[in-house]
Amino acid sequence: MILTAILKCPACGFTKEETMPARGVESRYQCVQCGVWMETKTGECCVFCSHSNMICPPEQEKRDCCSG
């Protein structure tokens, strides 16, 4: 399971590596560069699935895509 992801702000393009919660999801995240709150997109489960390079751990488990 992969627990880190690079979030990208849709407003300013700033990227930041963050640790994702192993259990549960985050629906909002505030960009440390511009202060915009990133929200979960419709149809996605969390802010990581919506705005990062990696899906969240609960989705990784469901899809069995990111083991090892």
PDB file of N, CA and C in Angstrom:
ATOM      1  N   MET A   1       0.837  -1.178   0.000  1.00  0.00           N
ATOM      2  CA  MET A   1       0.000   0.000   0.000  1.00  0.00           C
ATOM      3  C   MET A   1       0.888   1.250   0.000  1.00  0.00           C
ATOM      4  N   ILE A   2       0.503   2.207  -0.795  1.00  0.00           N
ATOM      5  CA  ILE A   2       1.238   3.469  -0.888  1.00  0.00           C
ATOM      6  C   ILE A   2       0.531   4.502  -0.020  1.00  0.00           C
ATOM      7  N   LEU A   3       1.284   5.134   0.883  1.00  0.00           N
ATOM      8  CA  LEU A   3       0.680   6.079   1.826  1.00  0.00           C
ATOM      9  C   LEU A   3       1.045   7.538   1.570  1.00  0.00           C
ATOM     10  N   THR A   4       1.841   7.803   0.547  1.00  0.00           N
ATOM     11  CA  THR A   4       2.167   9.191   0.242  1.00  0.00           C
ATOM     12  C   THR A   4       1.619   9.550  -1.138  1.00  0.00           C
ATOM     13  N   ALA A   5       1.274  10.816  -1.279  1.00  0.00           N
ATOM     14  CA  ALA A   5       0.747  11.307  -2.547  1.00  0.00           C
ATOM     15  C   ALA A   5       1.186  12.754  -2.717  1.00  0.00           C
ATOM     16  N   ILE A   6       1.244  13.180  -3.950  1.00  0.00           N
ATOM     17  CA  ILE A   6       1.564  14.576  -4.240  1.00  0.00           C
ATOM     18  C   ILE A   6       0.276  15.279  -4.639  1.00  0.00           C
ATOM     19  N   LEU A   7      -0.190  16.153  -3.750  1.00  0.00           N
ATOM     20  CA  LEU A   7      -1.381  16.948  -4.017  1.00  0.00           C
ATOM     21  C   LEU A   7      -1.006  18.138  -4.885  1.00  0.00           C
ATOM     22  N   LYS A   8      -1.882  18.473  -5.836  1.00  0.00           N
ATOM     23  CA  LYS A   8      -1.658  19.634  -6.699  1.00  0.00           C
ATOM     24  C   LYS A   8      -2.863  20.560  -6.604  1.00  0.00           C
ATOM     25  N   CYS A   9      -2.612  21.793  -6.208  1.00  0.00           N
ATOM     26  CA  CYS A   9      -3.673  22.778  -6.068  1.00  0.00           C
ATOM     27  C   CYS A   9      -4.227  23.147  -7.440  1.00  0.00           C
ATOM     28  N   PRO A  10      -5.548  23.065  -7.610  1.00  0.00           N
ATOM     29  CA  PRO A  10      -6.130  23.426  -8.900  1.00  0.00           C
ATOM     30  C   PRO A  10      -6.115  24.939  -9.146  1.00  0.00           C
ATOM     31  N   ALA A  11      -5.932  25.730  -8.108  1.00  0.00           N
ATOM     32  CA  ALA A  11      -5.940  27.189  -8.255  1.00  0.00           C
ATOM     33  C   ALA A  11      -4.575  27.747  -8.646  1.00  0.00           C
ATOM     34  N   CYS A  12      -3.527  27.321  -7.940  1.00  0.00           N
ATOM     35  CA  CYS A  12      -2.206  27.923  -8.179  1.00  0.00           C
ATOM     36  C   CYS A  12      -1.168  26.942  -8.726  1.00  0.00           C
ATOM     37  N   GLY A  13      -1.486  25.642  -8.732  1.00  0.00           N
ATOM     38  CA  GLY A  13      -0.564  24.643  -9.269  1.00  0.00           C
ATOM     39  C   GLY A  13       0.511  24.176  -8.298  1.00  0.00           C
ATOM     40  N   PHE A  14       0.509  24.704  -7.074  1.00  0.00           N
ATOM     41  CA  PHE A  14       1.496  24.305  -6.065  1.00  0.00           C
ATOM     42  C   PHE A  14       1.332  22.825  -5.749  1.00  0.00           C
ATOM     43  N   THR A  15       2.450  22.109  -5.602  1.00  0.00           N
ATOM     44  CA  THR A  15       2.401  20.691  -5.254  1.00  0.00           C
ATOM     45  C   THR A  15       3.072  20.461  -3.905  1.00  0.00           C
ATOM     46  N   LYS A  16       2.554  19.482  -3.176  1.00  0.00           N
ATOM     47  CA  LYS A  16       3.099  19.153  -1.867  1.00  0.00           C
ATOM     48  C   LYS A  16       2.887  17.675  -1.602  1.00  0.00           C
ATOM     49  N   GLU A  17       3.940  17.002  -1.162  1.00  0.00           N
ATOM     50  CA  GLU A  17       3.809  15.597  -0.784  1.00  0.00           C
ATOM     51  C   GLU A  17       3.176  15.517   0.593  1.00  0.00           C
ATOM     52  N   GLU A  18       2.176  14.673   0.719  1.00  0.00           N
ATOM     53  CA  GLU A  18       1.466  14.485   1.985  1.00  0.00           C
ATOM     54  C   GLU A  18       1.299  12.997   2.258  1.00  0.00           C
ATOM     55  N   THR A  19       1.182  12.676   3.533  1.00  0.00           N
ATOM     56  CA  THR A  19       0.871  11.315   3.937  1.00  0.00           C
ATOM     57  C   THR A  19      -0.641  11.163   4.016  1.00  0.00           C
ATOM     58  N   MET A  20      -1.155  10.143   3.363  1.00  0.00           N
ATOM     59  CA  MET A  20      -2.594   9.893   3.371  1.00  0.00           C
ATOM     60  C   MET A  20      -2.961   9.059   4.589  1.00  0.00           C
ATOM     61  N   PRO A  21      -4.160   9.249   5.143  1.00  0.00           N
ATOM     62  CA  PRO A  21      -4.586   8.388   6.241  1.00  0.00           C
ATOM     63  C   PRO A  21      -4.775   6.954   5.733  1.00  0.00           C
ATOM     64  N   ALA A  22      -4.267   5.995   6.483  1.00  0.00           N
ATOM     65  CA  ALA A  22      -4.378   4.595   6.070  1.00  0.00           C
ATOM     66  C   ALA A  22      -5.830   4.122   6.090  1.00  0.00           C
ATOM     67  N   ARG A  23      -6.579   4.642   7.012  1.00  0.00           N
ATOM     68  CA  ARG A  23      -8.005   4.311   7.123  1.00  0.00           C
ATOM     69  C   ARG A  23      -8.781   5.618   7.116  1.00  0.00           C
ATOM     70  N   GLY A  24      -9.844   5.654   6.369  1.00  0.00           N
ATOM     71  CA  GLY A  24     -10.636   6.875   6.290  1.00  0.00           C
ATOM     72  C   GLY A  24     -10.185   7.750   5.145  1.00  0.00           C
ATOM     73  N   VAL A  25     -10.901   8.849   4.959  1.00  0.00           N
ATOM     74  CA  VAL A  25     -10.625   9.745   3.842  1.00  0.00           C
ATOM     75  C   VAL A  25     -10.676  11.199   4.305  1.00  0.00           C
ATOM     76  N   GLU A  26     -10.100  12.078   3.516  1.00  0.00           N
ATOM     77  CA  GLU A  26     -10.162  13.510   3.787  1.00  0.00           C
ATOM     78  C   GLU A  26     -10.946  14.165   2.660  1.00  0.00           C
ATOM     79  N   SER A  27     -11.965  14.933   3.023  1.00  0.00           N
ATOM     80  CA  SER A  27     -12.797  15.552   1.997  1.00  0.00           C
ATOM     81  C   SER A  27     -12.342  16.956   1.627  1.00  0.00           C
ATOM     82  N   ARG A  28     -11.480  17.564   2.439  1.00  0.00           N
ATOM     83  CA  ARG A  28     -10.975  18.910   2.161  1.00  0.00           C
ATOM     84  C   ARG A  28      -9.502  19.004   2.534  1.00  0.00           C
ATOM     85  N   TYR A  29      -8.798  19.910   1.839  1.00  0.00           N
ATOM     86  CA  TYR A  29      -7.391  20.158   2.124  1.00  0.00           C
ATOM     87  C   TYR A  29      -7.090  21.589   1.715  1.00  0.00           C
ATOM     88  N   GLN A  30      -6.419  22.334   2.598  1.00  0.00           N
ATOM     89  CA  GLN A  30      -6.096  23.714   2.288  1.00  0.00           C
ATOM     90  C   GLN A  30      -4.690  23.827   1.724  1.00  0.00           C
ATOM     91  N   CYS A  31      -4.575  24.474   0.564  1.00  0.00           N
ATOM     92  CA  CYS A  31      -3.281  24.694  -0.072  1.00  0.00           C
ATOM     93  C   CYS A  31      -2.439  25.609   0.810  1.00  0.00           C
ATOM     94  N   VAL A  32      -1.220  25.186   1.097  1.00  0.00           N
ATOM     95  CA  VAL A  32      -0.341  25.986   1.950  1.00  0.00           C
ATOM     96  C   VAL A  32       0.238  27.183   1.202  1.00  0.00           C
ATOM     97  N   GLN A  33       0.165  27.178  -0.122  1.00  0.00           N
ATOM     98  CA  GLN A  33       0.689  28.283  -0.929  1.00  0.00           C
ATOM     99  C   GLN A  33      -0.324  29.429  -1.055  1.00  0.00           C
ATOM    100  N   CYS A  34      -1.551  29.122  -1.517  1.00  0.00           N
ATOM    101  CA  CYS A  34      -2.518  30.181  -1.816  1.00  0.00           C
ATOM    102  C   CYS A  34      -3.719  30.213  -0.877  1.00  0.00           C
ATOM    103  N   GLY A  35      -3.880  29.167  -0.055  1.00  0.00           N
ATOM    104  CA  GLY A  35      -4.965  29.138   0.918  1.00  0.00           C
ATOM    105  C   GLY A  35      -6.289  28.599   0.411  1.00  0.00           C
ATOM    106  N   VAL A  36      -6.382  28.253  -0.861  1.00  0.00           N
ATOM    107  CA  VAL A  36      -7.614  27.706  -1.422  1.00  0.00           C
ATOM    108  C   VAL A  36      -7.903  26.344  -0.794  1.00  0.00           C
ATOM    109  N   TRP A  37      -9.175  26.104  -0.502  1.00  0.00           N
ATOM    110  CA  TRP A  37      -9.577  24.791  -0.003  1.00  0.00           C
ATOM    111  C   TRP A  37      -9.882  23.892  -1.187  1.00  0.00           C
ATOM    112  N   MET A  38      -9.135  22.803  -1.299  1.00  0.00           N
ATOM    113  CA  MET A  38      -9.411  21.801  -2.320  1.00  0.00           C
ATOM    114  C   MET A  38     -10.537  20.931  -1.800  1.00  0.00           C
ATOM    115  N   GLU A  39     -11.512  20.701  -2.643  1.00  0.00           N
ATOM    116  CA  GLU A  39     -12.678  19.894  -2.283  1.00  0.00           C
ATOM    117  C   GLU A  39     -12.679  18.600  -3.087  1.00  0.00           C
ATOM    118  N   THR A  40     -13.327  17.595  -2.564  1.00  0.00           N
ATOM    119  CA  THR A  40     -13.499  16.338  -3.276  1.00  0.00           C
ATOM    120  C   THR A  40     -14.397  16.569  -4.486  1.00  0.00           C
ATOM    121  N   LYS A  41     -13.976  16.097  -5.647  1.00  0.00           N
ATOM    122  CA  LYS A  41     -14.779  16.233  -6.858  1.00  0.00           C
ATOM    123  C   LYS A  41     -15.944  15.249  -6.820  1.00  0.00           C
ATOM    124  N   THR A  42     -17.022  15.591  -7.481  1.00  0.00           N
ATOM    125  CA  THR A  42     -18.191  14.717  -7.583  1.00  0.00           C
ATOM    126  C   THR A  42     -17.771  13.375  -8.168  1.00  0.00           C
ATOM    127  N   GLY A  43     -18.179  12.311  -7.521  1.00  0.00           N
ATOM    128  CA  GLY A  43     -17.856  10.970  -7.982  1.00  0.00           C
ATOM    129  C   GLY A  43     -16.573  10.403  -7.402  1.00  0.00           C
ATOM    130  N   GLU A  44     -15.794  11.233  -6.716  1.00  0.00           N
ATOM    131  CA  GLU A  44     -14.560  10.775  -6.074  1.00  0.00           C
ATOM    132  C   GLU A  44     -14.818  10.615  -4.577  1.00  0.00           C
ATOM    133  N   CYS A  45     -13.980   9.841  -3.904  1.00  0.00           N
ATOM    134  CA  CYS A  45     -14.217   9.586  -2.480  1.00  0.00           C
ATOM    135  C   CYS A  45     -13.515  10.586  -1.561  1.00  0.00           C
ATOM    136  N   CYS A  46     -12.444  11.216  -2.061  1.00  0.00           N
ATOM    137  CA  CYS A  46     -11.679  12.095  -1.176  1.00  0.00           C
ATOM    138  C   CYS A  46     -10.814  13.064  -1.972  1.00  0.00           C
ATOM    139  N   VAL A  47     -10.178  13.972  -1.261  1.00  0.00           N
ATOM    140  CA  VAL A  47      -9.341  14.987  -1.891  1.00  0.00           C
ATOM    141  C   VAL A  47      -8.104  14.371  -2.565  1.00  0.00           C
ATOM    142  N   PHE A  48      -7.601  13.269  -2.043  1.00  0.00           N
ATOM    143  CA  PHE A  48      -6.443  12.619  -2.665  1.00  0.00           C
ATOM    144  C   PHE A  48      -6.821  11.997  -4.007  1.00  0.00           C
ATOM    145  N   CYS A  49      -7.972  11.355  -4.079  1.00  0.00           N
ATOM    146  CA  CYS A  49      -8.424  10.774  -5.342  1.00  0.00           C
ATOM    147  C   CYS A  49      -8.728  11.864  -6.368  1.00  0.00           C
ATOM    148  N   SER A  50      -9.105  13.043  -5.893  1.00  0.00           N
ATOM    149  CA  SER A  50      -9.461  14.148  -6.786  1.00  0.00           C
ATOM    150  C   SER A  50      -8.268  14.989  -7.236  1.00  0.00           C
ATOM    151  N   HIS A  51      -7.276  15.187  -6.368  1.00  0.00           N
ATOM    152  CA  HIS A  51      -6.237  16.181  -6.656  1.00  0.00           C
ATOM    153  C   HIS A  51      -4.808  15.691  -6.463  1.00  0.00           C
ATOM    154  N   SER A  52      -4.582  14.398  -6.503  1.00  0.00           N
ATOM    155  CA  SER A  52      -3.205  13.927  -6.326  1.00  0.00           C
ATOM    156  C   SER A  52      -2.843  12.879  -7.368  1.00  0.00           C
ATOM    157  N   ASN A  53      -1.600  12.451  -7.299  1.00  0.00           N
ATOM    158  CA  ASN A  53      -1.090  11.458  -8.236  1.00  0.00           C
ATOM    159  C   ASN A  53      -1.376  10.025  -7.792  1.00  0.00           C
ATOM    160  N   MET A  54      -2.041   9.852  -6.662  1.00  0.00           N
ATOM    161  CA  MET A  54      -2.280   8.508  -6.117  1.00  0.00           C
ATOM    162  C   MET A  54      -3.670   8.452  -5.491  1.00  0.00           C
ATOM    163  N   ILE A  55      -4.356   7.343  -5.684  1.00  0.00           N
ATOM    164  CA  ILE A  55      -5.638   7.166  -5.000  1.00  0.00           C
ATOM    165  C   ILE A  55      -5.395   6.831  -3.532  1.00  0.00           C
ATOM    166  N   CYS A  56      -6.390   7.074  -2.700  1.00  0.00           N
ATOM    167  CA  CYS A  56      -6.258   6.879  -1.254  1.00  0.00           C
ATOM    168  C   CYS A  56      -6.159   5.392  -0.888  1.00  0.00           C
ATOM    169  N   PRO A  57      -5.610   5.086   0.300  1.00  0.00           N
ATOM    170  CA  PRO A  57      -5.461   3.685   0.717  1.00  0.00           C
ATOM    171  C   PRO A  57      -6.753   2.858   0.685  1.00  0.00           C
ATOM    172  N   PRO A  58      -7.919   3.375   1.145  1.00  0.00           N
ATOM    173  CA  PRO A  58      -9.129   2.552   1.034  1.00  0.00           C
ATOM    174  C   PRO A  58      -9.460   2.174  -0.418  1.00  0.00           C
ATOM    175  N   GLU A  59      -9.242   3.097  -1.361  1.00  0.00           N
ATOM    176  CA  GLU A  59      -9.484   2.789  -2.776  1.00  0.00           C
ATOM    177  C   GLU A  59      -8.428   1.836  -3.318  1.00  0.00           C
ATOM    178  N   GLN A  60      -7.193   1.970  -2.844  1.00  0.00           N
ATOM    179  CA  GLN A  60      -6.145   1.035  -3.256  1.00  0.00           C
ATOM    180  C   GLN A  60      -6.525  -0.385  -2.872  1.00  0.00           C
ATOM    181  N   GLU A  61      -7.060  -0.544  -1.656  1.00  0.00           N
ATOM    182  CA  GLU A  61      -7.475  -1.882  -1.200  1.00  0.00           C
ATOM    183  C   GLU A  61      -8.622  -2.429  -2.042  1.00  0.00           C
ATOM    184  N   LYS A  62      -9.590  -1.583  -2.351  1.00  0.00           N
ATOM    185  CA  LYS A  62     -10.740  -2.010  -3.148  1.00  0.00           C
ATOM    186  C   LYS A  62     -10.303  -2.473  -4.537  1.00  0.00           C
ATOM    187  N   ARG A  63      -9.352  -1.758  -5.121  1.00  0.00           N
ATOM    188  CA  ARG A  63      -8.926  -2.028  -6.500  1.00  0.00           C
ATOM    189  C   ARG A  63      -7.768  -3.012  -6.569  1.00  0.00           C
ATOM    190  N   ASP A  64      -7.145  -3.303  -5.432  1.00  0.00           N
ATOM    191  CA  ASP A  64      -6.008  -4.228  -5.379  1.00  0.00           C
ATOM    192  C   ASP A  64      -4.946  -3.853  -6.410  1.00  0.00           C
ATOM    193  N   CYS A  65      -4.638  -2.538  -6.466  1.00  0.00           N
ATOM    194  CA  CYS A  65      -3.739  -2.066  -7.517  1.00  0.00           C
ATOM    195  C   CYS A  65      -2.349  -1.681  -7.027  1.00  0.00           C
ATOM    196  N   CYS A  66      -2.194  -1.479  -5.757  1.00  0.00           N
ATOM    197  CA  CYS A  66      -0.958  -0.836  -5.290  1.00  0.00           C
ATOM    198  C   CYS A  66      -0.268  -1.634  -4.204  1.00  0.00           C
ATOM    199  N   SER A  67      -0.306  -2.926  -4.269  1.00  0.00           N
ATOM    200  CA  SER A  67       0.345  -3.730  -3.230  1.00  0.00           C
ATOM    201  C   SER A  67       1.840  -3.788  -3.477  1.00  0.00           C
ATOM    202  N   GLY A  68       2.560  -3.913  -2.365  1.00  0.00           N
ATOM    203  CA  GLY A  68       3.980  -4.085  -2.435  1.00  0.00           C
ATOM    204  C   GLY A  68       4.686  -2.844  -2.817  1.00  0.00           C
TER     205      GLY A  68
END
